[in-house]
Amino acid sequence: MKKLITDKNVQRIRRFSVIFLLLAIIVSVAVYYDVTLFFADRYSWYVSMGETNLNAGKLQESNQYADKAVYLDQSRPEAHILIGRLDTRYERYGPAEKEFKAALNSSKRYESLYYLGFLRLYQNRLDESAKLFVESMEENLTYSDNYFGMGCLLLKQGKSDDAYDYFAKGLKYADEDRIKAFLHAGLGLVYQENGSYQKAESEFRIARSINYLSVQIVSSIVQ
């Protein structure tokens, strides 16, 4: 009877064991370091994870990723904007303004202007808010968030027809689920304001299917 376990088979088993062990070590180290070994740009990954958690309402987790991004590079604007958004949600308006202004002299200037406009909207400084939204639009006409911001501002002022135009136009430019959900929620609130409850519910369903918190968030903004 032939020997089932030959020297050659033993060598193969040893090689596979070593490869398996190395793979296990690599995976363990990657998990330990938040999987960032798989990403060439750790800063962008931290910012992306921070935004994902912020949009899901997980503010503490978002803050942790934002802090890691700033620790890696304080000169880039994305993390400052993210921290400013978090400060706004926590109603820390002074620190939020400081973070948004830190990103003004960058390629994200239009985004900083938008979030400063939104900050003024939260503070009920509506004239200042409108000027900042317009200035941001002049920097980037296709930035869909601006149309959402103007829509909220107009809805807050009771100008629902004008608000509808901005929400609808924003959807033409929207390429992220986050802003699509907010724009649909805004349209739903316009329909609700005008007594078109079936259309309102249809828009709310679309918004909630993307982000279940979207209708609640937008409602709180325009109150």
C-alpha atoms as a PDB file:
ATOM      1  CA  MET A   1       0.000   0.000   0.000  1.00  0.00           C
ATOM      2  CA  LYS A   2       1.294   3.431  -1.005  1.00  0.00           C
ATOM      3  CA  LYS A   3       2.210   5.866   1.692  1.00  0.00           C
ATOM      4  CA  LEU A   4      -0.652   8.396   1.880  1.00  0.00           C
ATOM      5  CA  ILE A   5       1.404  11.150   3.564  1.00  0.00           C
ATOM      6  CA  THR A   6       4.518  11.627   1.491  1.00  0.00           C
ATOM      7  CA  ASP A   7       7.319  14.084   2.178  1.00  0.00           C
ATOM      8  CA  LYS A   8       6.011  16.201  -0.696  1.00  0.00           C
ATOM      9  CA  ASN A   9       2.526  16.355   0.878  1.00  0.00           C
ATOM     10  CA  VAL A  10       4.022  17.303   4.232  1.00  0.00           C
ATOM     11  CA  GLN A  11       5.860  20.206   2.592  1.00  0.00           C
ATOM     12  CA  ARG A  12       2.665  21.383   0.905  1.00  0.00           C
ATOM     13  CA  ILE A  13       0.757  21.278   4.187  1.00  0.00           C
ATOM     14  CA  ARG A  14       3.505  23.299   5.876  1.00  0.00           C
ATOM     15  CA  ARG A  15       3.475  25.896   3.090  1.00  0.00           C
ATOM     16  CA  PHE A  16      -0.326  26.270   3.282  1.00  0.00           C
ATOM     17  CA  SER A  17      -0.102  26.574   7.081  1.00  0.00           C
ATOM     18  CA  VAL A  18       2.463  29.360   6.837  1.00  0.00           C
ATOM     19  CA  ILE A  19       0.404  31.231   4.199  1.00  0.00           C
ATOM     20  CA  PHE A  20      -2.769  30.862   6.289  1.00  0.00           C
ATOM     21  CA  LEU A  21      -0.953  32.131   9.391  1.00  0.00           C
ATOM     22  CA  LEU A  22       0.405  35.167   7.517  1.00  0.00           C
ATOM     23  CA  LEU A  23      -3.055  35.997   6.157  1.00  0.00           C
ATOM     24  CA  ALA A  24      -4.543  35.718   9.653  1.00  0.00           C
ATOM     25  CA  ILE A  25      -1.894  38.103  11.005  1.00  0.00           C
ATOM     26  CA  ILE A  26      -2.493  40.624   8.189  1.00  0.00           C
ATOM     27  CA  VAL A  27      -6.279  40.562   8.740  1.00  0.00           C
ATOM     28  CA  SER A  28      -5.865  40.932  12.515  1.00  0.00           C
ATOM     29  CA  VAL A  29      -3.564  43.932  12.160  1.00  0.00           C
ATOM     30  CA  ALA A  30      -5.877  45.539   9.579  1.00  0.00           C
ATOM     31  CA  VAL A  31      -8.911  45.166  11.846  1.00  0.00           C
ATOM     32  CA  TYR A  32      -6.929  46.534  14.788  1.00  0.00           C
ATOM     33  CA  TYR A  33      -6.115  49.677  12.825  1.00  0.00           C
ATOM     34  CA  ASP A  34      -9.709  50.298  11.663  1.00  0.00           C
ATOM     35  CA  VAL A  35      -9.005  48.580   8.352  1.00  0.00           C
ATOM     36  CA  THR A  36      -7.065  51.651   7.239  1.00  0.00           C
ATOM     37  CA  LEU A  37      -4.196  49.506   5.957  1.00  0.00           C
ATOM     38  CA  PHE A  38      -6.426  48.779   2.969  1.00  0.00           C
ATOM     39  CA  PHE A  39      -6.710  52.480   2.135  1.00  0.00           C
ATOM     40  CA  ALA A  40      -3.991  54.645   0.630  1.00  0.00           C
ATOM     41  CA  ASP A  41      -5.547  57.831   2.053  1.00  0.00           C
ATOM     42  CA  ARG A  42      -6.427  57.276   5.689  1.00  0.00           C
ATOM     43  CA  TYR A  43      -7.551  60.895   6.088  1.00  0.00           C
ATOM     44  CA  SER A  44     -10.251  60.595   3.409  1.00  0.00           C
ATOM     45  CA  TRP A  45     -11.413  57.289   4.846  1.00  0.00           C
ATOM     46  CA  TYR A  46     -11.815  58.791   8.325  1.00  0.00           C
ATOM     47  CA  VAL A  47     -13.773  61.728   6.877  1.00  0.00           C
ATOM     48  CA  SER A  48     -15.973  59.361   4.854  1.00  0.00           C
ATOM     49  CA  MET A  49     -16.711  57.215   7.921  1.00  0.00           C
ATOM     50  CA  GLY A  50     -17.426  60.365   9.943  1.00  0.00           C
ATOM     51  CA  GLU A  51     -19.939  61.568   7.351  1.00  0.00           C
ATOM     52  CA  THR A  52     -21.594  58.142   7.150  1.00  0.00           C
ATOM     53  CA  ASN A  53     -22.069  58.037  10.917  1.00  0.00           C
ATOM     54  CA  LEU A  54     -23.256  61.663  11.044  1.00  0.00           C
ATOM     55  CA  ASN A  55     -25.899  61.001   8.380  1.00  0.00           C
ATOM     56  CA  ALA A  56     -27.036  57.954  10.380  1.00  0.00           C
ATOM     57  CA  GLY A  57     -27.417  60.082  13.508  1.00  0.00           C
ATOM     58  CA  LYS A  58     -24.416  58.460  15.247  1.00  0.00           C
ATOM     59  CA  LEU A  59     -22.831  61.694  16.419  1.00  0.00           C
ATOM     60  CA  GLN A  60     -20.346  60.263  18.911  1.00  0.00           C
ATOM     61  CA  GLU A  61     -18.910  57.789  16.403  1.00  0.00           C
ATOM     62  CA  SER A  62     -18.762  60.536  13.759  1.00  0.00           C
ATOM     63  CA  ASN A  63     -16.858  62.778  16.153  1.00  0.00           C
ATOM     64  CA  GLN A  64     -14.261  60.070  16.789  1.00  0.00           C
ATOM     65  CA  TYR A  65     -13.540  59.683  13.064  1.00  0.00           C
ATOM     66  CA  ALA A  66     -13.416  63.471  12.561  1.00  0.00           C
ATOM     67  CA  ASP A  67     -10.870  63.811  15.377  1.00  0.00           C
ATOM     68  CA  LYS A  68      -8.694  61.117  13.781  1.00  0.00           C
ATOM     69  CA  ALA A  69      -8.808  62.920  10.430  1.00  0.00           C
ATOM     70  CA  VAL A  70      -7.804  66.268  11.967  1.00  0.00           C
ATOM     71  CA  TYR A  71      -4.980  64.554  13.870  1.00  0.00           C
ATOM     72  CA  LEU A  72      -3.604  63.256  10.558  1.00  0.00           C
ATOM     73  CA  ASP A  73      -3.851  66.569   8.675  1.00  0.00           C
ATOM     74  CA  GLN A  74      -5.121  69.875  10.057  1.00  0.00           C
ATOM     75  CA  SER A  75      -4.577  71.743   6.788  1.00  0.00           C
ATOM     76  CA  ARG A  76      -7.251  69.962   4.733  1.00  0.00           C
ATOM     77  CA  PRO A  77     -10.818  71.379   4.804  1.00  0.00           C
ATOM     78  CA  GLU A  78     -13.037  68.269   4.871  1.00  0.00           C
ATOM     79  CA  ALA A  79     -12.540  67.384   8.535  1.00  0.00           C
ATOM     80  CA  HIS A  80     -13.057  71.008   9.621  1.00  0.00           C
ATOM     81  CA  ILE A  81     -16.375  71.055   7.767  1.00  0.00           C
ATOM     82  CA  LEU A  82     -17.367  67.734   9.328  1.00  0.00           C
ATOM     83  CA  ILE A  83     -16.548  68.958  12.852  1.00  0.00           C
ATOM     84  CA  GLY A  84     -18.461  72.178  12.130  1.00  0.00           C
ATOM     85  CA  ARG A  85     -21.505  70.142  11.122  1.00  0.00           C
ATOM     86  CA  LEU A  86     -21.233  68.140  14.339  1.00  0.00           C
ATOM     87  CA  ASP A  87     -20.908  71.322  16.413  1.00  0.00           C
ATOM     88  CA  THR A  88     -24.000  72.705  14.667  1.00  0.00           C
ATOM     89  CA  ARG A  89     -25.973  69.568  15.555  1.00  0.00           C
ATOM     90  CA  TYR A  90     -24.845  69.955  19.171  1.00  0.00           C
ATOM     91  CA  GLU A  91     -25.850  73.667  18.994  1.00  0.00           C
ATOM     92  CA  ARG A  92     -22.255  74.746  19.606  1.00  0.00           C
ATOM     93  CA  TYR A  93     -22.571  77.583  17.107  1.00  0.00           C
ATOM     94  CA  GLY A  94     -19.396  79.499  18.006  1.00  0.00           C
ATOM     95  CA  PRO A  95     -17.039  76.511  17.504  1.00  0.00           C
ATOM     96  CA  ALA A  96     -19.004  75.497  14.383  1.00  0.00           C
ATOM     97  CA  GLU A  97     -18.461  78.911  12.784  1.00  0.00           C
ATOM     98  CA  LYS A  98     -14.731  78.715  13.558  1.00  0.00           C
ATOM     99  CA  GLU A  99     -14.462  75.300  11.843  1.00  0.00           C
ATOM    100  CA  PHE A 100     -16.370  76.419   8.725  1.00  0.00           C
ATOM    101  CA  LYS A 101     -14.250  79.560   8.412  1.00  0.00           C
ATOM    102  CA  ALA A 102     -11.096  77.425   8.683  1.00  0.00           C
ATOM    103  CA  ALA A 103     -12.113  75.808   5.378  1.00  0.00           C
ATOM    104  CA  LEU A 104     -12.983  79.012   3.482  1.00  0.00           C
ATOM    105  CA  ASN A 105      -9.609  79.445   1.783  1.00  0.00           C
ATOM    106  CA  SER A 106      -9.702  76.059   0.083  1.00  0.00           C
ATOM    107  CA  SER A 107     -11.232  74.152  -2.809  1.00  0.00           C
ATOM    108  CA  LYS A 108     -14.218  73.546  -0.499  1.00  0.00           C
ATOM    109  CA  ARG A 109     -15.027  77.260  -0.149  1.00  0.00           C
ATOM    110  CA  TYR A 110     -18.512  76.836  -1.639  1.00  0.00           C
ATOM    111  CA  GLU A 111     -19.238  74.084   0.877  1.00  0.00           C
ATOM    112  CA  SER A 112     -18.006  76.202   3.789  1.00  0.00           C
ATOM    113  CA  LEU A 113     -20.220  79.081   2.666  1.00  0.00           C
ATOM    114  CA  TYR A 114     -23.203  76.735   2.473  1.00  0.00           C
ATOM    115  CA  TYR A 115     -22.703  75.406   6.011  1.00  0.00           C
ATOM    116  CA  LEU A 116     -22.170  78.930   7.339  1.00  0.00           C
ATOM    117  CA  GLY A 117     -25.482  79.780   5.684  1.00  0.00           C
ATOM    118  CA  PHE A 118     -27.111  76.818   7.353  1.00  0.00           C
ATOM    119  CA  LEU A 119     -25.609  77.836  10.679  1.00  0.00           C
ATOM    120  CA  ARG A 120     -27.265  81.254  10.293  1.00  0.00           C
ATOM    121  CA  LEU A 121     -30.513  79.472   9.445  1.00  0.00           C
ATOM    122  CA  TYR A 122     -30.322  77.565  12.750  1.00  0.00           C
ATOM    123  CA  GLN A 123     -29.667  80.890  14.497  1.00  0.00           C
ATOM    124  CA  ASN A 124     -32.719  82.400  12.726  1.00  0.00           C
ATOM    125  CA  ARG A 125     -30.529  85.039  11.065  1.00  0.00           C
ATOM    126  CA  LEU A 126     -32.351  84.579   7.778  1.00  0.00           C
ATOM    127  CA  ASP A 127     -31.036  87.539   5.769  1.00  0.00           C
ATOM    128  CA  GLU A 128     -27.437  86.522   6.458  1.00  0.00           C
ATOM    129  CA  SER A 129     -28.308  82.921   5.665  1.00  0.00           C
ATOM    130  CA  ALA A 130     -29.758  83.846   2.259  1.00  0.00           C
ATOM    131  CA  LYS A 131     -26.662  85.913   1.333  1.00  0.00           C
ATOM    132  CA  LEU A 132     -24.344  83.010   2.174  1.00  0.00           C
ATOM    133  CA  PHE A 133     -26.415  80.520   0.151  1.00  0.00           C
ATOM    134  CA  VAL A 134     -26.352  82.881  -2.839  1.00  0.00           C
ATOM    135  CA  GLU A 135     -22.589  83.383  -2.480  1.00  0.00           C
ATOM    136  CA  SER A 136     -22.093  79.621  -2.379  1.00  0.00           C
ATOM    137  CA  MET A 137     -24.245  79.222  -5.509  1.00  0.00           C
ATOM    138  CA  GLU A 138     -22.050  81.745  -7.283  1.00  0.00           C
ATOM    139  CA  GLU A 139     -19.056  79.547  -6.430  1.00  0.00           C
ATOM    140  CA  ASN A 140     -20.736  76.300  -7.521  1.00  0.00           C
ATOM    141  CA  LEU A 141     -24.100  76.424  -9.292  1.00  0.00           C
ATOM    142  CA  THR A 142     -24.590  72.644  -9.322  1.00  0.00           C
ATOM    143  CA  TYR A 143     -24.017  72.083  -5.590  1.00  0.00           C
ATOM    144  CA  SER A 144     -27.402  70.597  -4.679  1.00  0.00           C
ATOM    145  CA  ASP A 145     -27.150  71.354  -0.952  1.00  0.00           C
ATOM    146  CA  ASN A 146     -27.540  75.067  -1.706  1.00  0.00           C
ATOM    147  CA  TYR A 147     -30.976  74.459  -3.224  1.00  0.00           C
ATOM    148  CA  PHE A 148     -31.957  72.489  -0.150  1.00  0.00           C
ATOM    149  CA  GLY A 149     -30.759  75.315   2.103  1.00  0.00           C
ATOM    150  CA  MET A 150     -32.665  77.969   0.147  1.00  0.00           C
ATOM    151  CA  GLY A 151     -35.749  75.753   0.092  1.00  0.00           C
ATOM    152  CA  CYS A 152     -35.643  75.406   3.883  1.00  0.00           C
ATOM    153  CA  LEU A 153     -35.125  79.142   4.293  1.00  0.00           C
ATOM    154  CA  LEU A 154     -38.110  79.965   2.091  1.00  0.00           C
ATOM    155  CA  LEU A 155     -40.302  77.344   3.758  1.00  0.00           C
ATOM    156  CA  LYS A 156     -39.376  78.816   7.131  1.00  0.00           C
ATOM    157  CA  GLN A 157     -40.552  82.203   5.774  1.00  0.00           C
ATOM    158  CA  GLY A 158     -43.864  80.688   4.630  1.00  0.00           C
ATOM    159  CA  LYS A 159     -42.984  80.927   0.907  1.00  0.00           C
ATOM    160  CA  SER A 160     -43.855  77.337   0.042  1.00  0.00           C
ATOM    161  CA  ASP A 161     -44.194  77.817  -3.738  1.00  0.00           C
ATOM    162  CA  ASP A 162     -40.699  79.309  -4.002  1.00  0.00           C
ATOM    163  CA  ALA A 163     -39.391  76.592  -1.673  1.00  0.00           C
ATOM    164  CA  TYR A 164     -40.819  73.935  -3.998  1.00  0.00           C
ATOM    165  CA  ASP A 165     -38.854  75.362  -6.947  1.00  0.00           C
ATOM    166  CA  TYR A 166     -35.577  75.122  -5.042  1.00  0.00           C
ATOM    167  CA  PHE A 167     -36.184  71.591  -3.709  1.00  0.00           C
ATOM    168  CA  ALA A 168     -37.180  70.376  -7.192  1.00  0.00           C
ATOM    169  CA  LYS A 169     -34.167  72.028  -8.838  1.00  0.00           C
ATOM    170  CA  GLY A 170     -31.867  70.568  -6.209  1.00  0.00           C
ATOM    171  CA  LEU A 171     -32.973  67.064  -7.149  1.00  0.00           C
ATOM    172  CA  LYS A 172     -31.731  67.656 -10.711  1.00  0.00           C
ATOM    173  CA  TYR A 173     -28.206  68.129  -9.370  1.00  0.00           C
ATOM    174  CA  ALA A 174     -28.303  65.721  -6.410  1.00  0.00           C
ATOM    175  CA  ASP A 175     -25.930  62.785  -6.731  1.00  0.00           C
ATOM    176  CA  GLU A 176     -25.779  61.654  -3.089  1.00  0.00           C
ATOM    177  CA  ASP A 177     -28.473  59.725  -1.217  1.00  0.00           C
ATOM    178  CA  ARG A 178     -28.053  62.019   1.808  1.00  0.00           C
ATOM    179  CA  ILE A 179     -29.189  65.160  -0.006  1.00  0.00           C
ATOM    180  CA  LYS A 180     -31.774  63.322  -2.134  1.00  0.00           C
ATOM    181  CA  ALA A 181     -33.528  62.216   1.063  1.00  0.00           C
ATOM    182  CA  PHE A 182     -33.573  65.781   2.436  1.00  0.00           C
ATOM    183  CA  LEU A 183     -34.855  67.257  -0.828  1.00  0.00           C
ATOM    184  CA  HIS A 184     -37.704  64.727  -1.026  1.00  0.00           C
ATOM    185  CA  ALA A 185     -38.527  65.465   2.616  1.00  0.00           C
ATOM    186  CA  GLY A 186     -38.593  69.183   1.760  1.00  0.00           C
ATOM    187  CA  LEU A 187     -40.979  68.584  -1.137  1.00  0.00           C
ATOM    188  CA  GLY A 188     -43.181  66.540   1.178  1.00  0.00           C
ATOM    189  CA  LEU A 189     -43.345  69.422   3.656  1.00  0.00           C
ATOM    190  CA  VAL A 190     -44.293  71.819   0.846  1.00  0.00           C
ATOM    191  CA  TYR A 191     -47.125  69.521  -0.276  1.00  0.00           C
ATOM    192  CA  GLN A 192     -48.237  69.138   3.332  1.00  0.00           C
ATOM    193  CA  GLU A 193     -48.248  72.928   3.780  1.00  0.00           C
ATOM    194  CA  ASN A 194     -50.417  73.270   0.663  1.00  0.00           C
ATOM    195  CA  GLY A 195     -52.860  70.556   1.720  1.00  0.00           C
ATOM    196  CA  SER A 196     -51.749  67.944  -0.867  1.00  0.00           C
ATOM    197  CA  TYR A 197     -51.455  65.167   1.702  1.00  0.00           C
ATOM    198  CA  GLN A 198     -51.221  62.207  -0.684  1.00  0.00           C
ATOM    199  CA  LYS A 199     -48.348  63.810  -2.574  1.00  0.00           C
ATOM    200  CA  ALA A 200     -46.745  64.734   0.733  1.00  0.00           C
ATOM    201  CA  GLU A 201     -46.887  61.150   1.966  1.00  0.00           C
ATOM    202  CA  SER A 202     -45.435  59.900  -1.312  1.00  0.00           C
ATOM    203  CA  GLU A 203     -42.429  62.225  -0.937  1.00  0.00           C
ATOM    204  CA  PHE A 204     -42.029  61.279   2.729  1.00  0.00           C
ATOM    205  CA  ARG A 205     -41.963  57.583   1.803  1.00  0.00           C
ATOM    206  CA  ILE A 206     -39.199  58.187  -0.730  1.00  0.00           C
ATOM    207  CA  ALA A 207     -37.221  60.253   1.784  1.00  0.00           C
ATOM    208  CA  ARG A 208     -37.569  57.678   4.580  1.00  0.00           C
ATOM    209  CA  SER A 209     -36.611  54.817   2.249  1.00  0.00           C
ATOM    210  CA  ILE A 210     -33.254  56.549   1.767  1.00  0.00           C
ATOM    211  CA  ASN A 211     -32.793  57.896   5.289  1.00  0.00           C
ATOM    212  CA  TYR A 212     -35.457  57.124   7.875  1.00  0.00           C
ATOM    213  CA  LEU A 213     -34.503  60.233   9.921  1.00  0.00           C
ATOM    214  CA  SER A 214     -34.696  62.670   6.990  1.00  0.00           C
ATOM    215  CA  VAL A 215     -38.295  63.891   7.429  1.00  0.00           C
ATOM    216  CA  GLN A 216     -37.755  64.414  11.146  1.00  0.00           C
ATOM    217  CA  ILE A 217     -34.516  66.348  10.545  1.00  0.00           C
ATOM    218  CA  VAL A 218     -35.933  68.620   7.839  1.00  0.00           C
ATOM    219  CA  SER A 219     -39.113  69.274   9.859  1.00  0.00           C
ATOM    220  CA  SER A 220     -37.003  70.442  12.809  1.00  0.00           C
ATOM    221  CA  ILE A 221     -35.009  72.805  10.541  1.00  0.00           C
ATOM    222  CA  VAL A 222     -38.000  74.657   9.086  1.00  0.00           C
ATOM    223  CA  GLN A 223     -39.977  75.060  12.317  1.00  0.00           C
END
